[in-house]
């Protein structure tokens, strides 16, 4: 799926799609509750109220750069808390290459945050060693986010992610640590959106009078626009994540801004009462 914001092109590269089995992320999003939000169906949920979600990367092409935003799960990783995320052997890089995005064509890898499903393809396993997947790219991490995980990756699953998908980038001297309001290039700047993680950032795109927002995991699913207090189980600070959703969605509601989530596709945010709804936009 592809969209344009002025001269910037965005291509969604899907690694994994799911229907249902999402209660471990959004425990309050029961089938009955989702069916009360008919605007979710069919783009974001089934008639039965099962959520549709994906793990994907977004390739952002500006006139001067080719940027990969978030890198999914990756292959050959171990120690993940979700069994199907371990020891994956998918042709994701081959699919990217076939779409015109071979790894050596990428200038920048930008991670909105450093959770397991957003950093996996930062590295690949070569002769028993984790090496940067994108050989010519600089990797951009939020400084607050990086320092949090450097100092607090104590649980075994968090240690595994940091050690195989983040630390090798630092060790290879390929990382740039940025403030949460950093401007990456003329068209791309960051917005601090903490809550889901300590230093979570969203991506603002501006080009030729048009605007796009790559929201990352401010919301895992559009149902959280209607229920701002439906925090995700991995949220670092659920009170902050709720406040961030209200502020971010309020900023872009009822504007032509193209919005794409870290686990859902494009649309526009509309106000609805004290909260919001999401109108799907086809590619």
C-alpha atoms as a PDB file:
ATOM      1  CA  UNK A   1       0.000   0.000   0.000  1.00  0.00           C
ATOM      2  CA  UNK A   2       1.268   3.448  -0.922  1.00  0.00           C
ATOM      3  CA  UNK A   3       0.312   7.016  -0.087  1.00  0.00           C
ATOM      4  CA  UNK A   4       1.712  10.455  -0.883  1.00  0.00           C
ATOM      5  CA  UNK A   5       2.183  13.572   1.223  1.00  0.00           C
ATOM      6  CA  UNK A   6       3.265  16.254  -1.222  1.00  0.00           C
ATOM      7  CA  UNK A   7       6.530  15.006  -2.704  1.00  0.00           C
ATOM      8  CA  UNK A   8       6.964  12.342  -0.019  1.00  0.00           C
ATOM      9  CA  UNK A   9       5.919   8.762  -0.812  1.00  0.00           C
ATOM     10  CA  UNK A  10       5.072   6.259   1.922  1.00  0.00           C
ATOM     11  CA  UNK A  11       5.009   2.512   1.258  1.00  0.00           C
ATOM     12  CA  UNK A  12       3.748   0.000   3.806  1.00  0.00           C
ATOM     13  CA  UNK A  13       5.729  -3.253   3.889  1.00  0.00           C
ATOM     14  CA  UNK A  14       3.826  -5.891   5.894  1.00  0.00           C
ATOM     15  CA  UNK A  15       5.710  -8.530   7.845  1.00  0.00           C
ATOM     16  CA  UNK A  16       2.797 -10.113   9.735  1.00  0.00           C
ATOM     17  CA  UNK A  17      -0.986  -9.647   9.708  1.00  0.00           C
ATOM     18  CA  UNK A  18      -3.355 -10.849  12.414  1.00  0.00           C
ATOM     19  CA  UNK A  19      -7.108 -11.077  12.920  1.00  0.00           C
ATOM     20  CA  UNK A  20      -8.116 -11.521  16.536  1.00  0.00           C
ATOM     21  CA  UNK A  21      -5.793 -12.919  19.217  1.00  0.00           C
ATOM     22  CA  UNK A  22      -5.113  -9.333  20.300  1.00  0.00           C
ATOM     23  CA  UNK A  23      -6.558  -9.335  23.825  1.00  0.00           C
ATOM     24  CA  UNK A  24      -3.044  -9.729  25.254  1.00  0.00           C
ATOM     25  CA  UNK A  25      -2.329  -6.223  23.879  1.00  0.00           C
ATOM     26  CA  UNK A  26      -5.748  -4.566  24.313  1.00  0.00           C
ATOM     27  CA  UNK A  27      -7.578  -6.467  27.068  1.00  0.00           C
ATOM     28  CA  UNK A  28     -10.571  -4.101  27.120  1.00  0.00           C
ATOM     29  CA  UNK A  29     -11.252  -4.463  23.390  1.00  0.00           C
ATOM     30  CA  UNK A  30     -13.759  -7.305  23.656  1.00  0.00           C
ATOM     31  CA  UNK A  31     -15.700  -8.401  20.599  1.00  0.00           C
ATOM     32  CA  UNK A  32     -18.887  -6.900  22.035  1.00  0.00           C
ATOM     33  CA  UNK A  33     -17.233  -3.524  22.658  1.00  0.00           C
ATOM     34  CA  UNK A  34     -15.725  -3.424  19.171  1.00  0.00           C
ATOM     35  CA  UNK A  35     -19.103  -4.174  17.578  1.00  0.00           C
ATOM     36  CA  UNK A  36     -20.385  -0.979  19.219  1.00  0.00           C
ATOM     37  CA  UNK A  37     -18.010   0.955  16.936  1.00  0.00           C
ATOM     38  CA  UNK A  38     -19.392   0.177  13.452  1.00  0.00           C
ATOM     39  CA  UNK A  39     -16.940   2.597  11.784  1.00  0.00           C
ATOM     40  CA  UNK A  40     -14.168   0.068  12.514  1.00  0.00           C
ATOM     41  CA  UNK A  41     -15.788  -2.508  10.220  1.00  0.00           C
ATOM     42  CA  UNK A  42     -14.538  -3.795   7.778  1.00  0.00           C
ATOM     43  CA  UNK A  43     -11.202  -1.989   7.554  1.00  0.00           C
ATOM     44  CA  UNK A  44     -10.051  -2.384  11.161  1.00  0.00           C
ATOM     45  CA  UNK A  45     -12.225  -5.185  12.539  1.00  0.00           C
ATOM     46  CA  UNK A  46     -14.421  -8.067  11.412  1.00  0.00           C
ATOM     47  CA  UNK A  47     -18.196  -8.222  11.711  1.00  0.00           C
ATOM     48  CA  UNK A  48     -17.623 -10.424  14.769  1.00  0.00           C
ATOM     49  CA  UNK A  49     -15.609  -7.688  16.468  1.00  0.00           C
ATOM     50  CA  UNK A  50     -12.173  -9.212  16.016  1.00  0.00           C
ATOM     51  CA  UNK A  51      -9.384  -6.655  15.570  1.00  0.00           C
ATOM     52  CA  UNK A  52      -7.321  -6.470  12.383  1.00  0.00           C
ATOM     53  CA  UNK A  53      -3.705  -5.494  12.998  1.00  0.00           C
ATOM     54  CA  UNK A  54      -0.329  -5.777  11.304  1.00  0.00           C
ATOM     55  CA  UNK A  55       3.361  -5.581  12.058  1.00  0.00           C
ATOM     56  CA  UNK A  56       4.923  -3.521   9.289  1.00  0.00           C
ATOM     57  CA  UNK A  57       7.650  -1.142   8.233  1.00  0.00           C
ATOM     58  CA  UNK A  58       7.007   2.130   6.447  1.00  0.00           C
ATOM     59  CA  UNK A  59       9.404   3.187   3.688  1.00  0.00           C
ATOM     60  CA  UNK A  60       9.371   6.983   3.459  1.00  0.00           C
ATOM     61  CA  UNK A  61      10.885   8.476   0.310  1.00  0.00           C
ATOM     62  CA  UNK A  62      11.663  12.188   0.386  1.00  0.00           C
ATOM     63  CA  UNK A  63      13.384  14.025  -2.484  1.00  0.00           C
ATOM     64  CA  UNK A  64      16.709  13.494  -0.693  1.00  0.00           C
ATOM     65  CA  UNK A  65      16.365  10.388   1.493  1.00  0.00           C
ATOM     66  CA  UNK A  66      14.980   6.877   1.653  1.00  0.00           C
ATOM     67  CA  UNK A  67      13.944   6.144   5.240  1.00  0.00           C
ATOM     68  CA  UNK A  68      12.637   2.960   6.864  1.00  0.00           C
ATOM     69  CA  UNK A  69      10.430   3.737   9.863  1.00  0.00           C
ATOM     70  CA  UNK A  70      10.383   0.792  12.314  1.00  0.00           C
ATOM     71  CA  UNK A  71      11.706  -2.622  11.401  1.00  0.00           C
ATOM     72  CA  UNK A  72       9.281  -5.233  12.703  1.00  0.00           C
ATOM     73  CA  UNK A  73      10.265  -8.572  14.232  1.00  0.00           C
ATOM     74  CA  UNK A  74      13.170  -9.834  12.142  1.00  0.00           C
ATOM     75  CA  UNK A  75      14.404 -13.359  11.487  1.00  0.00           C
ATOM     76  CA  UNK A  76      16.297 -15.776  13.727  1.00  0.00           C
ATOM     77  CA  UNK A  77      15.534 -13.855  16.931  1.00  0.00           C
ATOM     78  CA  UNK A  78      15.200 -15.737  20.204  1.00  0.00           C
ATOM     79  CA  UNK A  79      13.990 -15.051  23.715  1.00  0.00           C
ATOM     80  CA  UNK A  80      10.774 -13.310  22.602  1.00  0.00           C
ATOM     81  CA  UNK A  81       7.743 -13.408  24.889  1.00  0.00           C
ATOM     82  CA  UNK A  82       5.370 -14.349  22.053  1.00  0.00           C
ATOM     83  CA  UNK A  83       6.252 -17.828  20.739  1.00  0.00           C
ATOM     84  CA  UNK A  84       5.567 -17.139  17.044  1.00  0.00           C
ATOM     85  CA  UNK A  85       8.014 -14.214  17.177  1.00  0.00           C
ATOM     86  CA  UNK A  86      10.936 -16.571  17.795  1.00  0.00           C
ATOM     87  CA  UNK A  87      13.165 -18.111  15.120  1.00  0.00           C
ATOM     88  CA  UNK A  88      11.242 -16.579  12.237  1.00  0.00           C
ATOM     89  CA  UNK A  89      12.382 -17.352   8.689  1.00  0.00           C
ATOM     90  CA  UNK A  90      10.458 -15.008   6.420  1.00  0.00           C
ATOM     91  CA  UNK A  91      11.403 -13.511   3.019  1.00  0.00           C
ATOM     92  CA  UNK A  92      10.769  -9.962   4.263  1.00  0.00           C
ATOM     93  CA  UNK A  93      14.006  -8.518   2.844  1.00  0.00           C
ATOM     94  CA  UNK A  94      13.407 -10.223  -0.477  1.00  0.00           C
ATOM     95  CA  UNK A  95       9.895  -8.764  -0.578  1.00  0.00           C
ATOM     96  CA  UNK A  96      11.297  -5.311   0.155  1.00  0.00           C
ATOM     97  CA  UNK A  97      13.873  -5.727  -2.594  1.00  0.00           C
ATOM     98  CA  UNK A  98      11.240  -6.884  -5.082  1.00  0.00           C
ATOM     99  CA  UNK A  99       9.241  -3.744  -4.249  1.00  0.00           C
ATOM    100  CA  UNK A 100      12.271  -1.639  -5.176  1.00  0.00           C
ATOM    101  CA  UNK A 101      13.783  -1.207  -1.716  1.00  0.00           C
ATOM    102  CA  UNK A 102      16.908  -3.378  -1.427  1.00  0.00           C
ATOM    103  CA  UNK A 103      18.691  -2.987   1.930  1.00  0.00           C
ATOM    104  CA  UNK A 104      21.658  -1.117   0.449  1.00  0.00           C
ATOM    105  CA  UNK A 105      19.321   1.564  -0.967  1.00  0.00           C
ATOM    106  CA  UNK A 106      18.183   2.719   2.489  1.00  0.00           C
ATOM    107  CA  UNK A 107      19.760   5.923   3.842  1.00  0.00           C
ATOM    108  CA  UNK A 108      18.160   6.035   7.301  1.00  0.00           C
ATOM    109  CA  UNK A 109      16.450   3.643   9.699  1.00  0.00           C
ATOM    110  CA  UNK A 110      14.234   5.496  12.175  1.00  0.00           C
ATOM    111  CA  UNK A 111      12.746   3.700  15.191  1.00  0.00           C
ATOM    112  CA  UNK A 112       9.776   5.378  16.845  1.00  0.00           C
ATOM    113  CA  UNK A 113      10.668   3.336  19.952  1.00  0.00           C
ATOM    114  CA  UNK A 114      12.712   0.264  20.809  1.00  0.00           C
ATOM    115  CA  UNK A 115      10.097  -2.418  21.480  1.00  0.00           C
ATOM    116  CA  UNK A 116      10.527  -5.918  20.104  1.00  0.00           C
ATOM    117  CA  UNK A 117       8.194  -5.499  17.107  1.00  0.00           C
ATOM    118  CA  UNK A 118       9.799  -2.250  15.931  1.00  0.00           C
ATOM    119  CA  UNK A 119      13.517  -3.115  15.922  1.00  0.00           C
ATOM    120  CA  UNK A 120      13.805  -6.706  14.694  1.00  0.00           C
ATOM    121  CA  UNK A 121      15.136  -6.055  11.215  1.00  0.00           C
ATOM    122  CA  UNK A 122      17.677  -3.560  12.524  1.00  0.00           C
ATOM    123  CA  UNK A 123      20.014  -6.539  12.435  1.00  0.00           C
ATOM    124  CA  UNK A 124      20.404  -9.863  10.705  1.00  0.00           C
ATOM    125  CA  UNK A 125      22.375 -12.954  11.677  1.00  0.00           C
ATOM    126  CA  UNK A 126      25.539 -13.473   9.606  1.00  0.00           C
ATOM    127  CA  UNK A 127      27.982 -16.242  10.587  1.00  0.00           C
ATOM    128  CA  UNK A 128      26.628 -16.260  14.103  1.00  0.00           C
ATOM    129  CA  UNK A 129      26.930 -12.496  14.585  1.00  0.00           C
ATOM    130  CA  UNK A 130      24.273  -9.771  14.555  1.00  0.00           C
ATOM    131  CA  UNK A 131      25.141  -7.133  11.955  1.00  0.00           C
ATOM    132  CA  UNK A 132      23.243  -4.083  10.624  1.00  0.00           C
ATOM    133  CA  UNK A 133      20.696  -5.189   8.015  1.00  0.00           C
ATOM    134  CA  UNK A 134      20.861  -1.940   6.057  1.00  0.00           C
ATOM    135  CA  UNK A 135      24.576  -1.580   5.276  1.00  0.00           C
ATOM    136  CA  UNK A 136      24.631   2.073   4.221  1.00  0.00           C
ATOM    137  CA  UNK A 137      22.059   3.466   6.656  1.00  0.00           C
ATOM    138  CA  UNK A 138      22.400   5.544   9.773  1.00  0.00           C
ATOM    139  CA  UNK A 139      20.084   4.291  12.507  1.00  0.00           C
ATOM    140  CA  UNK A 140      18.163   6.979  14.390  1.00  0.00           C
ATOM    141  CA  UNK A 141      17.065   6.261  17.976  1.00  0.00           C
ATOM    142  CA  UNK A 142      15.551   8.671  20.468  1.00  0.00           C
ATOM    143  CA  UNK A 143      18.154   9.403  23.135  1.00  0.00           C
ATOM    144  CA  UNK A 144      15.618   9.158  25.971  1.00  0.00           C
ATOM    145  CA  UNK A 145      14.332   5.864  24.602  1.00  0.00           C
ATOM    146  CA  UNK A 146      17.788   4.377  24.099  1.00  0.00           C
ATOM    147  CA  UNK A 147      19.077   5.378  27.523  1.00  0.00           C
ATOM    148  CA  UNK A 148      15.970   3.937  29.177  1.00  0.00           C
ATOM    149  CA  UNK A 149      16.456   0.521  27.592  1.00  0.00           C
ATOM    150  CA  UNK A 150      20.221   0.602  28.035  1.00  0.00           C
ATOM    151  CA  UNK A 151      19.681   1.048  31.774  1.00  0.00           C
ATOM    152  CA  UNK A 152      16.477  -0.955  32.330  1.00  0.00           C
ATOM    153  CA  UNK A 153      16.556  -3.989  30.023  1.00  0.00           C
ATOM    154  CA  UNK A 154      16.676  -6.309  33.020  1.00  0.00           C
ATOM    155  CA  UNK A 155      13.929  -8.809  32.142  1.00  0.00           C
ATOM    156  CA  UNK A 156      15.262 -11.662  29.968  1.00  0.00           C
ATOM    157  CA  UNK A 157      13.004 -10.864  27.001  1.00  0.00           C
ATOM    158  CA  UNK A 158      13.958  -7.169  27.104  1.00  0.00           C
ATOM    159  CA  UNK A 159      17.643  -8.069  27.358  1.00  0.00           C
ATOM    160  CA  UNK A 160      17.334 -10.323  24.313  1.00  0.00           C
ATOM    161  CA  UNK A 161      15.815  -7.544  22.194  1.00  0.00           C
ATOM    162  CA  UNK A 162      18.374  -4.963  23.274  1.00  0.00           C
ATOM    163  CA  UNK A 163      21.320  -7.305  22.782  1.00  0.00           C
ATOM    164  CA  UNK A 164      20.429  -8.605  19.327  1.00  0.00           C
ATOM    165  CA  UNK A 165      18.640  -5.630  17.737  1.00  0.00           C
ATOM    166  CA  UNK A 166      19.898  -2.429  19.384  1.00  0.00           C
ATOM    167  CA  UNK A 167      23.337  -2.896  20.937  1.00  0.00           C
ATOM    168  CA  UNK A 168      24.921  -4.245  17.707  1.00  0.00           C
ATOM    169  CA  UNK A 169      23.964  -0.973  15.972  1.00  0.00           C
ATOM    170  CA  UNK A 170      25.621   1.051  18.731  1.00  0.00           C
ATOM    171  CA  UNK A 171      28.685  -1.214  18.692  1.00  0.00           C
ATOM    172  CA  UNK A 172      28.990  -0.752  14.916  1.00  0.00           C
ATOM    173  CA  UNK A 173      28.939   3.046  15.405  1.00  0.00           C
ATOM    174  CA  UNK A 174      25.906   3.313  13.149  1.00  0.00           C
ATOM    175  CA  UNK A 175      23.463   4.992  15.569  1.00  0.00           C
ATOM    176  CA  UNK A 176      22.492   8.648  15.932  1.00  0.00           C
ATOM    177  CA  UNK A 177      20.790   9.460  19.241  1.00  0.00           C
ATOM    178  CA  UNK A 178      18.351  12.329  18.801  1.00  0.00           C
ATOM    179  CA  UNK A 179      16.136  14.521  20.990  1.00  0.00           C
ATOM    180  CA  UNK A 180      12.409  13.793  20.767  1.00  0.00           C
ATOM    181  CA  UNK A 181      11.723  17.000  18.788  1.00  0.00           C
ATOM    182  CA  UNK A 182      14.518  16.442  16.255  1.00  0.00           C
ATOM    183  CA  UNK A 183      14.176  17.540  12.632  1.00  0.00           C
ATOM    184  CA  UNK A 184      15.552  14.785  10.439  1.00  0.00           C
ATOM    185  CA  UNK A 185      15.370  16.598   7.103  1.00  0.00           C
ATOM    186  CA  UNK A 186      13.341  19.329   5.420  1.00  0.00           C
ATOM    187  CA  UNK A 187      10.176  17.213   5.299  1.00  0.00           C
ATOM    188  CA  UNK A 188      10.558  15.019   8.405  1.00  0.00           C
ATOM    189  CA  UNK A 189      10.485  16.024  12.067  1.00  0.00           C
ATOM    190  CA  UNK A 190       9.755  14.217  15.310  1.00  0.00           C
ATOM    191  CA  UNK A 191       7.037  14.771  17.912  1.00  0.00           C
ATOM    192  CA  UNK A 192       7.584  13.623  21.491  1.00  0.00           C
ATOM    193  CA  UNK A 193       4.725  11.219  22.313  1.00  0.00           C
ATOM    194  CA  UNK A 194       5.720   9.440  25.547  1.00  0.00           C
ATOM    195  CA  UNK A 195       3.562   6.965  27.401  1.00  0.00           C
ATOM    196  CA  UNK A 196       3.696   3.754  25.405  1.00  0.00           C
ATOM    197  CA  UNK A 197       7.436   3.849  26.056  1.00  0.00           C
ATOM    198  CA  UNK A 198       9.641   6.270  27.944  1.00  0.00           C
ATOM    199  CA  UNK A 199      10.867   8.108  24.858  1.00  0.00           C
ATOM    200  CA  UNK A 200       8.313   7.211  22.183  1.00  0.00           C
ATOM    201  CA  UNK A 201       8.322   9.542  19.174  1.00  0.00           C
ATOM    202  CA  UNK A 202       5.885  10.057  16.310  1.00  0.00           C
ATOM    203  CA  UNK A 203       6.894  11.255  12.856  1.00  0.00           C
ATOM    204  CA  UNK A 204       5.494  14.415  11.270  1.00  0.00           C
ATOM    205  CA  UNK A 205       5.766  14.775   7.480  1.00  0.00           C
ATOM    206  CA  UNK A 206       5.245  18.123   5.752  1.00  0.00           C
ATOM    207  CA  UNK A 207       5.579  18.644   2.009  1.00  0.00           C
ATOM    208  CA  UNK A 208       4.021  21.048  -0.485  1.00  0.00           C
ATOM    209  CA  UNK A 209       1.352  22.166   1.958  1.00  0.00           C
ATOM    210  CA  UNK A 210       0.307  18.608   2.851  1.00  0.00           C
ATOM    211  CA  UNK A 211       0.852  16.821   6.135  1.00  0.00           C
ATOM    212  CA  UNK A 212       1.211  13.255   7.363  1.00  0.00           C
ATOM    213  CA  UNK A 213       1.601  11.655  10.784  1.00  0.00           C
ATOM    214  CA  UNK A 214       3.241   8.296  11.444  1.00  0.00           C
ATOM    215  CA  UNK A 215       1.842   7.781  14.922  1.00  0.00           C
ATOM    216  CA  UNK A 216       3.828   4.707  15.934  1.00  0.00           C
ATOM    217  CA  UNK A 217       2.284   3.004  18.946  1.00  0.00           C
ATOM    218  CA  UNK A 218       0.509   5.985  20.484  1.00  0.00           C
ATOM    219  CA  UNK A 219      -2.430   3.715  19.669  1.00  0.00           C
ATOM    220  CA  UNK A 220      -2.106   0.076  18.691  1.00  0.00           C
ATOM    221  CA  UNK A 221      -5.542   0.170  17.054  1.00  0.00           C
ATOM    222  CA  UNK A 222      -8.084   2.845  16.041  1.00  0.00           C
ATOM    223  CA  UNK A 223     -10.496   1.621  18.729  1.00  0.00           C
ATOM    224  CA  UNK A 224      -8.271   3.552  21.143  1.00  0.00           C
ATOM    225  CA  UNK A 225      -9.370   6.760  19.431  1.00  0.00           C
ATOM    226  CA  UNK A 226     -12.902   6.128  20.677  1.00  0.00           C
ATOM    227  CA  UNK A 227     -11.687   4.855  24.048  1.00  0.00           C
ATOM    228  CA  UNK A 228      -8.698   7.015  24.906  1.00  0.00           C
ATOM    229  CA  UNK A 229      -8.312   5.240  28.250  1.00  0.00           C
ATOM    230  CA  UNK A 230      -7.909   1.808  26.648  1.00  0.00           C
ATOM    231  CA  UNK A 231      -4.207   1.545  27.253  1.00  0.00           C
ATOM    232  CA  UNK A 232      -2.128  -1.265  25.804  1.00  0.00           C
ATOM    233  CA  UNK A 233      -0.628  -3.783  28.204  1.00  0.00           C
ATOM    234  CA  UNK A 234       2.963  -2.873  27.167  1.00  0.00           C
ATOM    235  CA  UNK A 235       2.405   0.841  27.899  1.00  0.00           C
ATOM    236  CA  UNK A 236       5.190   2.191  30.100  1.00  0.00           C
ATOM    237  CA  UNK A 237       2.910   4.804  31.728  1.00  0.00           C
ATOM    238  CA  UNK A 238      -0.791   4.273  31.093  1.00  0.00           C
ATOM    239  CA  UNK A 239      -1.822   7.654  32.495  1.00  0.00           C
ATOM    240  CA  UNK A 240       0.663   9.382  30.206  1.00  0.00           C
ATOM    241  CA  UNK A 241      -0.296   7.277  27.172  1.00  0.00           C
ATOM    242  CA  UNK A 242      -3.949   8.281  27.616  1.00  0.00           C
ATOM    243  CA  UNK A 243      -2.996  11.956  27.849  1.00  0.00           C
ATOM    244  CA  UNK A 244      -0.743  11.639  24.798  1.00  0.00           C
ATOM    245  CA  UNK A 245      -3.545  10.084  22.748  1.00  0.00           C
ATOM    246  CA  UNK A 246      -5.923  12.876  23.668  1.00  0.00           C
ATOM    247  CA  UNK A 247      -3.365  15.579  22.840  1.00  0.00           C
ATOM    248  CA  UNK A 248      -2.030  14.059  19.599  1.00  0.00           C
ATOM    249  CA  UNK A 249      -5.391  13.051  18.142  1.00  0.00           C
ATOM    250  CA  UNK A 250      -6.872  16.402  19.127  1.00  0.00           C
ATOM    251  CA  UNK A 251      -4.064  18.193  17.306  1.00  0.00           C
ATOM    252  CA  UNK A 252      -4.760  16.424  14.008  1.00  0.00           C
ATOM    253  CA  UNK A 253      -8.508  15.773  14.212  1.00  0.00           C
ATOM    254  CA  UNK A 254     -10.694  17.235  11.465  1.00  0.00           C
ATOM    255  CA  UNK A 255      -7.677  18.148   9.344  1.00  0.00           C
ATOM    256  CA  UNK A 256      -6.584  16.602   6.022  1.00  0.00           C
ATOM    257  CA  UNK A 257      -3.560  15.039   7.771  1.00  0.00           C
ATOM    258  CA  UNK A 258      -2.820  11.504   6.572  1.00  0.00           C
ATOM    259  CA  UNK A 259      -2.387   9.339   9.688  1.00  0.00           C
ATOM    260  CA  UNK A 260      -0.771   5.880   9.708  1.00  0.00           C
ATOM    261  CA  UNK A 261      -0.368   3.766  12.836  1.00  0.00           C
ATOM    262  CA  UNK A 262       2.369   1.412  13.888  1.00  0.00           C
ATOM    263  CA  UNK A 263      -0.097  -1.482  13.526  1.00  0.00           C
ATOM    264  CA  UNK A 264      -2.887  -0.113  11.309  1.00  0.00           C
ATOM    265  CA  UNK A 265      -3.192   1.579   7.924  1.00  0.00           C
ATOM    266  CA  UNK A 266      -3.964   5.078   6.763  1.00  0.00           C
ATOM    267  CA  UNK A 267      -6.894   7.326   7.469  1.00  0.00           C
ATOM    268  CA  UNK A 268      -8.088  10.616   8.884  1.00  0.00           C
ATOM    269  CA  UNK A 269      -8.994  11.431  12.499  1.00  0.00           C
ATOM    270  CA  UNK A 270     -12.434  12.909  13.158  1.00  0.00           C
ATOM    271  CA  UNK A 271     -13.861  14.270  16.392  1.00  0.00           C
ATOM    272  CA  UNK A 272     -16.781  12.350  17.810  1.00  0.00           C
ATOM    273  CA  UNK A 273     -18.163  13.632  21.108  1.00  0.00           C
ATOM    274  CA  UNK A 274     -15.411  13.738  23.695  1.00  0.00           C
ATOM    275  CA  UNK A 275     -13.223  11.371  21.677  1.00  0.00           C
ATOM    276  CA  UNK A 276     -12.470  10.470  18.061  1.00  0.00           C
ATOM    277  CA  UNK A 277     -13.077   8.037  15.222  1.00  0.00           C
ATOM    278  CA  UNK A 278     -10.889   7.033  12.307  1.00  0.00           C
ATOM    279  CA  UNK A 279     -11.918   7.115   8.657  1.00  0.00           C
ATOM    280  CA  UNK A 280     -10.014   4.596   6.579  1.00  0.00           C
ATOM    281  CA  UNK A 281      -8.240   5.829   3.479  1.00  0.00           C
ATOM    282  CA  UNK A 282      -7.544   3.331   0.751  1.00  0.00           C
ATOM    283  CA  UNK A 283      -4.194   3.317  -1.048  1.00  0.00           C
END
